[in-house]
Amino acid sequence: MDLTNAIKQRRSIRRYNNTAVEDDKIIEILNAARLAPSAKNRQPWKFHISRGGEKTKSQR
């Protein structure tokens, strides 16, 4: 899929499946995020991976 089609076909997902994401997919996503440009190449990245438990109002 090219970029134009990806932008045109984007959508918001409000309901999610209750299935775990495989480790290799999480690593691939994190590597892509790590390679994204940052302001002045400072790379102030912080990644949090949460598995299990529902998010409460106090969590962000």
PDB file of N, CA and C in Angstrom:
ATOM      1  N   MET A   1       0.850  -1.174   0.000  1.00  0.00           N
ATOM      2  CA  MET A   1       0.000   0.000   0.000  1.00  0.00           C
ATOM      3  C   MET A   1       0.894   1.236   0.000  1.00  0.00           C
ATOM      4  N   ASP A   2       0.597   2.178  -0.898  1.00  0.00           N
ATOM      5  CA  ASP A   2       1.405   3.392  -0.931  1.00  0.00           C
ATOM      6  C   ASP A   2       0.887   4.403   0.085  1.00  0.00           C
ATOM      7  N   LEU A   3       1.649   5.441   0.304  1.00  0.00           N
ATOM      8  CA  LEU A   3       1.343   6.422   1.343  1.00  0.00           C
ATOM      9  C   LEU A   3      -0.003   7.107   1.125  1.00  0.00           C
ATOM     10  N   THR A   4      -0.308   7.483  -0.106  1.00  0.00           N
ATOM     11  CA  THR A   4      -1.574   8.170  -0.387  1.00  0.00           C
ATOM     12  C   THR A   4      -2.761   7.287  -0.025  1.00  0.00           C
ATOM     13  N   ASN A   5      -2.730   6.031  -0.411  1.00  0.00           N
ATOM     14  CA  ASN A   5      -3.822   5.120  -0.060  1.00  0.00           C
ATOM     15  C   ASN A   5      -3.907   4.893   1.442  1.00  0.00           C
ATOM     16  N   ALA A   6      -2.777   4.797   2.110  1.00  0.00           N
ATOM     17  CA  ALA A   6      -2.776   4.608   3.559  1.00  0.00           C
ATOM     18  C   ALA A   6      -3.433   5.796   4.250  1.00  0.00           C
ATOM     19  N   ILE A   7      -3.141   7.002   3.784  1.00  0.00           N
ATOM     20  CA  ILE A   7      -3.739   8.198   4.384  1.00  0.00           C
ATOM     21  C   ILE A   7      -5.237   8.246   4.097  1.00  0.00           C
ATOM     22  N   LYS A   8      -5.630   7.941   2.881  1.00  0.00           N
ATOM     23  CA  LYS A   8      -7.046   7.988   2.511  1.00  0.00           C
ATOM     24  C   LYS A   8      -7.870   6.922   3.229  1.00  0.00           C
ATOM     25  N   GLN A   9      -7.269   5.778   3.510  1.00  0.00           N
ATOM     26  CA  GLN A   9      -8.004   4.674   4.101  1.00  0.00           C
ATOM     27  C   GLN A   9      -7.838   4.576   5.611  1.00  0.00           C
ATOM     28  N   ARG A  10      -7.230   5.572   6.227  1.00  0.00           N
ATOM     29  CA  ARG A  10      -7.028   5.512   7.677  1.00  0.00           C
ATOM     30  C   ARG A  10      -8.371   5.553   8.389  1.00  0.00           C
ATOM     31  N   ARG A  11      -8.386   5.048   9.606  1.00  0.00           N
ATOM     32  CA  ARG A  11      -9.606   5.045  10.405  1.00  0.00           C
ATOM     33  C   ARG A  11      -9.235   4.952  11.866  1.00  0.00           C
ATOM     34  N   SER A  12     -10.157   5.343  12.711  1.00  0.00           N
ATOM     35  CA  SER A  12      -9.958   5.260  14.145  1.00  0.00           C
ATOM     36  C   SER A  12     -10.606   3.984  14.666  1.00  0.00           C
ATOM     37  N   ILE A  13      -9.900   3.291  15.518  1.00  0.00           N
ATOM     38  CA  ILE A  13     -10.408   2.058  16.109  1.00  0.00           C
ATOM     39  C   ILE A  13     -10.794   2.359  17.551  1.00  0.00           C
ATOM     40  N   ARG A  14     -12.025   2.049  17.894  1.00  0.00           N
ATOM     41  CA  ARG A  14     -12.498   2.318  19.252  1.00  0.00           C
ATOM     42  C   ARG A  14     -12.669   1.040  20.076  1.00  0.00           C
ATOM     43  N   ARG A  15     -12.737  -0.087  19.405  1.00  0.00           N
ATOM     44  CA  ARG A  15     -12.858  -1.371  20.100  1.00  0.00           C
ATOM     45  C   ARG A  15     -11.686  -2.251  19.684  1.00  0.00           C
ATOM     46  N   TYR A  16     -11.104  -2.907  20.655  1.00  0.00           N
ATOM     47  CA  TYR A  16      -9.918  -3.712  20.390  1.00  0.00           C
ATOM     48  C   TYR A  16     -10.168  -5.161  20.761  1.00  0.00           C
ATOM     49  N   ASN A  17      -9.461  -6.050  20.108  1.00  0.00           N
ATOM     50  CA  ASN A  17      -9.513  -7.464  20.467  1.00  0.00           C
ATOM     51  C   ASN A  17      -8.751  -7.682  21.759  1.00  0.00           C
ATOM     52  N   ASN A  18      -9.149  -8.671  22.501  1.00  0.00           N
ATOM     53  CA  ASN A  18      -8.482  -8.990  23.759  1.00  0.00           C
ATOM     54  C   ASN A  18      -7.436 -10.081  23.522  1.00  0.00           C
ATOM     55  N   THR A  19      -6.540  -9.835  22.572  1.00  0.00           N
ATOM     56  CA  THR A  19      -5.479 -10.792  22.274  1.00  0.00           C
ATOM     57  C   THR A  19      -4.127 -10.105  22.454  1.00  0.00           C
ATOM     58  N   ALA A  20      -3.169 -10.878  22.899  1.00  0.00           N
ATOM     59  CA  ALA A  20      -1.827 -10.336  23.127  1.00  0.00           C
ATOM     60  C   ALA A  20      -1.125 -10.085  21.791  1.00  0.00           C
ATOM     61  N   VAL A  21      -0.292  -9.058  21.765  1.00  0.00           N
ATOM     62  CA  VAL A  21       0.510  -8.754  20.578  1.00  0.00           C
ATOM     63  C   VAL A  21       1.825  -9.518  20.709  1.00  0.00           C
ATOM     64  N   GLU A  22       2.230 -10.159  19.626  1.00  0.00           N
ATOM     65  CA  GLU A  22       3.449 -10.971  19.649  1.00  0.00           C
ATOM     66  C   GLU A  22       4.674 -10.094  19.887  1.00  0.00           C
ATOM     67  N   ASP A  23       5.656 -10.655  20.575  1.00  0.00           N
ATOM     68  CA  ASP A  23       6.881  -9.923  20.900  1.00  0.00           C
ATOM     69  C   ASP A  23       7.583  -9.397  19.657  1.00  0.00           C
ATOM     70  N   ASP A  24       7.644 -10.188  18.575  1.00  0.00           N
ATOM     71  CA  ASP A  24       8.351  -9.740  17.381  1.00  0.00           C
ATOM     72  C   ASP A  24       7.669  -8.521  16.751  1.00  0.00           C
ATOM     73  N   LYS A  25       6.355  -8.429  16.845  1.00  0.00           N
ATOM     74  CA  LYS A  25       5.657  -7.250  16.323  1.00  0.00           C
ATOM     75  C   LYS A  25       5.940  -6.022  17.182  1.00  0.00           C
ATOM     76  N   ILE A  26       5.980  -6.202  18.488  1.00  0.00           N
ATOM     77  CA  ILE A  26       6.292  -5.078  19.388  1.00  0.00           C
ATOM     78  C   ILE A  26       7.709  -4.580  19.119  1.00  0.00           C
ATOM     79  N   ILE A  27       8.645  -5.480  18.956  1.00  0.00           N
ATOM     80  CA  ILE A  27      10.034  -5.095  18.675  1.00  0.00           C
ATOM     81  C   ILE A  27      10.128  -4.355  17.347  1.00  0.00           C
ATOM     82  N   GLU A  28       9.397  -4.822  16.330  1.00  0.00           N
ATOM     83  CA  GLU A  28       9.409  -4.160  15.026  1.00  0.00           C
ATOM     84  C   GLU A  28       8.850  -2.730  15.130  1.00  0.00           C
ATOM     85  N   ILE A  29       7.770  -2.563  15.878  1.00  0.00           N
ATOM     86  CA  ILE A  29       7.178  -1.229  16.069  1.00  0.00           C
ATOM     87  C   ILE A  29       8.140  -0.317  16.831  1.00  0.00           C
ATOM     88  N   LEU A  30       8.766  -0.840  17.875  1.00  0.00           N
ATOM     89  CA  LEU A  30       9.717  -0.036  18.654  1.00  0.00           C
ATOM     90  C   LEU A  30      10.925   0.363  17.817  1.00  0.00           C
ATOM     91  N   ASN A  31      11.410  -0.528  16.985  1.00  0.00           N
ATOM     92  CA  ASN A  31      12.541  -0.192  16.114  1.00  0.00           C
ATOM     93  C   ASN A  31      12.163   0.897  15.117  1.00  0.00           C
ATOM     94  N   ALA A  32      10.953   0.825  14.564  1.00  0.00           N
ATOM     95  CA  ALA A  32      10.501   1.868  13.644  1.00  0.00           C
ATOM     96  C   ALA A  32      10.394   3.202  14.366  1.00  0.00           C
ATOM     97  N   ALA A  33       9.867   3.206  15.567  1.00  0.00           N
ATOM     98  CA  ALA A  33       9.746   4.447  16.343  1.00  0.00           C
ATOM     99  C   ALA A  33      11.122   5.002  16.704  1.00  0.00           C
ATOM    100  N   ARG A  34      12.041   4.131  17.015  1.00  0.00           N
ATOM    101  CA  ARG A  34      13.397   4.546  17.377  1.00  0.00           C
ATOM    102  C   ARG A  34      14.109   5.232  16.225  1.00  0.00           C
ATOM    103  N   LEU A  35      13.775   4.844  15.004  1.00  0.00           N
ATOM    104  CA  LEU A  35      14.415   5.413  13.827  1.00  0.00           C
ATOM    105  C   LEU A  35      13.770   6.711  13.347  1.00  0.00           C
ATOM    106  N   ALA A  36      12.643   7.093  13.950  1.00  0.00           N
ATOM    107  CA  ALA A  36      11.951   8.319  13.550  1.00  0.00           C
ATOM    108  C   ALA A  36      12.799   9.540  13.918  1.00  0.00           C
ATOM    109  N   PRO A  37      12.732  10.586  13.115  1.00  0.00           N
ATOM    110  CA  PRO A  37      13.522  11.778  13.419  1.00  0.00           C
ATOM    111  C   PRO A  37      13.030  12.470  14.686  1.00  0.00           C
ATOM    112  N   SER A  38      13.927  13.181  15.326  1.00  0.00           N
ATOM    113  CA  SER A  38      13.576  13.959  16.518  1.00  0.00           C
ATOM    114  C   SER A  38      14.192  15.353  16.391  1.00  0.00           C
ATOM    115  N   ALA A  39      13.669  16.289  17.153  1.00  0.00           N
ATOM    116  CA  ALA A  39      14.159  17.665  17.102  1.00  0.00           C
ATOM    117  C   ALA A  39      15.645  17.703  17.466  1.00  0.00           C
ATOM    118  N   LYS A  40      16.437  18.275  16.594  1.00  0.00           N
ATOM    119  CA  LYS A  40      17.889  18.421  16.784  1.00  0.00           C
ATOM    120  C   LYS A  40      18.568  17.089  17.111  1.00  0.00           C
ATOM    121  N   ASN A  41      17.955  16.002  16.687  1.00  0.00           N
ATOM    122  CA  ASN A  41      18.485  14.651  16.898  1.00  0.00           C
ATOM    123  C   ASN A  41      18.757  14.346  18.373  1.00  0.00           C
ATOM    124  N   ARG A  42      17.946  14.914  19.262  1.00  0.00           N
ATOM    125  CA  ARG A  42      18.138  14.676  20.702  1.00  0.00           C
ATOM    126  C   ARG A  42      17.683  13.286  21.128  1.00  0.00           C
ATOM    127  N   GLN A  43      16.723  12.736  20.412  1.00  0.00           N
ATOM    128  CA  GLN A  43      16.203  11.400  20.673  1.00  0.00           C
ATOM    129  C   GLN A  43      15.787  11.189  22.131  1.00  0.00           C
ATOM    130  N   PRO A  44      14.861  11.991  22.635  1.00  0.00           N
ATOM    131  CA  PRO A  44      14.415  11.822  24.024  1.00  0.00           C
ATOM    132  C   PRO A  44      13.341  10.738  24.149  1.00  0.00           C
ATOM    133  N   TRP A  45      13.615   9.547  23.638  1.00  0.00           N
ATOM    134  CA  TRP A  45      12.600   8.508  23.591  1.00  0.00           C
ATOM    135  C   TRP A  45      12.377   7.861  24.941  1.00  0.00           C
ATOM    136  N   LYS A  46      11.130   7.579  25.220  1.00  0.00           N
ATOM    137  CA  LYS A  46      10.738   6.772  26.382  1.00  0.00           C
ATOM    138  C   LYS A  46       9.603   5.879  25.914  1.00  0.00           C
ATOM    139  N   PHE A  47       9.780   4.582  26.022  1.00  0.00           N
ATOM    140  CA  PHE A  47       8.755   3.642  25.595  1.00  0.00           C
ATOM    141  C   PHE A  47       8.280   2.853  26.803  1.00  0.00           C
ATOM    142  N   HIS A  48       6.989   2.677  26.898  1.00  0.00           N
ATOM    143  CA  HIS A  48       6.390   1.896  27.977  1.00  0.00           C
ATOM    144  C   HIS A  48       5.514   0.831  27.345  1.00  0.00           C
ATOM    145  N   ILE A  49       5.764  -0.403  27.688  1.00  0.00           N
ATOM    146  CA  ILE A  49       4.957  -1.515  27.194  1.00  0.00           C
ATOM    147  C   ILE A  49       4.226  -2.091  28.386  1.00  0.00           C
ATOM    148  N   SER A  50       2.924  -2.114  28.291  1.00  0.00           N
ATOM    149  CA  SER A  50       2.101  -2.617  29.382  1.00  0.00           C
ATOM    150  C   SER A  50       1.405  -3.883  28.924  1.00  0.00           C
ATOM    151  N   ARG A  51       1.441  -4.867  29.755  1.00  0.00           N
ATOM    152  CA  ARG A  51       0.756  -6.127  29.447  1.00  0.00           C
ATOM    153  C   ARG A  51      -0.098  -6.507  30.644  1.00  0.00           C
ATOM    154  N   GLY A  52      -1.397  -6.581  30.402  1.00  0.00           N
ATOM    155  CA  GLY A  52      -2.316  -7.011  31.451  1.00  0.00           C
ATOM    156  C   GLY A  52      -2.882  -5.838  32.232  1.00  0.00           C
ATOM    157  N   GLY A  53      -3.997  -6.097  32.848  1.00  0.00           N
ATOM    158  CA  GLY A  53      -4.646  -5.085  33.674  1.00  0.00           C
ATOM    159  C   GLY A  53      -5.260  -3.977  32.847  1.00  0.00           C
ATOM    160  N   GLU A  54      -6.368  -3.484  33.317  1.00  0.00           N
ATOM    161  CA  GLU A  54      -7.023  -2.372  32.613  1.00  0.00           C
ATOM    162  C   GLU A  54      -6.451  -1.047  33.078  1.00  0.00           C
ATOM    163  N   LYS A  55      -6.491  -0.091  32.195  1.00  0.00           N
ATOM    164  CA  LYS A  55      -6.020   1.252  32.490  1.00  0.00           C
ATOM    165  C   LYS A  55      -7.035   1.947  33.387  1.00  0.00           C
ATOM    166  N   THR A  56      -6.556   2.619  34.427  1.00  0.00           N
ATOM    167  CA  THR A  56      -7.448   3.364  35.305  1.00  0.00           C
ATOM    168  C   THR A  56      -7.299   4.849  35.049  1.00  0.00           C
ATOM    169  N   LYS A  57      -8.168   5.637  35.638  1.00  0.00           N
ATOM    170  CA  LYS A  57      -8.123   7.090  35.429  1.00  0.00           C
ATOM    171  C   LYS A  57      -6.816   7.700  35.900  1.00  0.00           C
ATOM    172  N   SER A  58      -6.189   7.124  36.923  1.00  0.00           N
ATOM    173  CA  SER A  58      -4.956   7.690  37.461  1.00  0.00           C
ATOM    174  C   SER A  58      -3.744   7.422  36.558  1.00  0.00           C
ATOM    175  N   GLN A  59      -3.850   6.451  35.652  1.00  0.00           N
ATOM    176  CA  GLN A  59      -2.750   6.142  34.751  1.00  0.00           C
ATOM    177  C   GLN A  59      -2.831   7.022  33.517  1.00  0.00           C
ATOM    178  N   ARG A  60      -1.675   7.336  32.925  1.00  0.00           N
ATOM    179  CA  ARG A  60      -1.638   8.127  31.702  1.00  0.00           C
ATOM    180  C   ARG A  60      -0.809   7.442  30.682  1.00  0.00           C
TER     181      ARG A  60
END
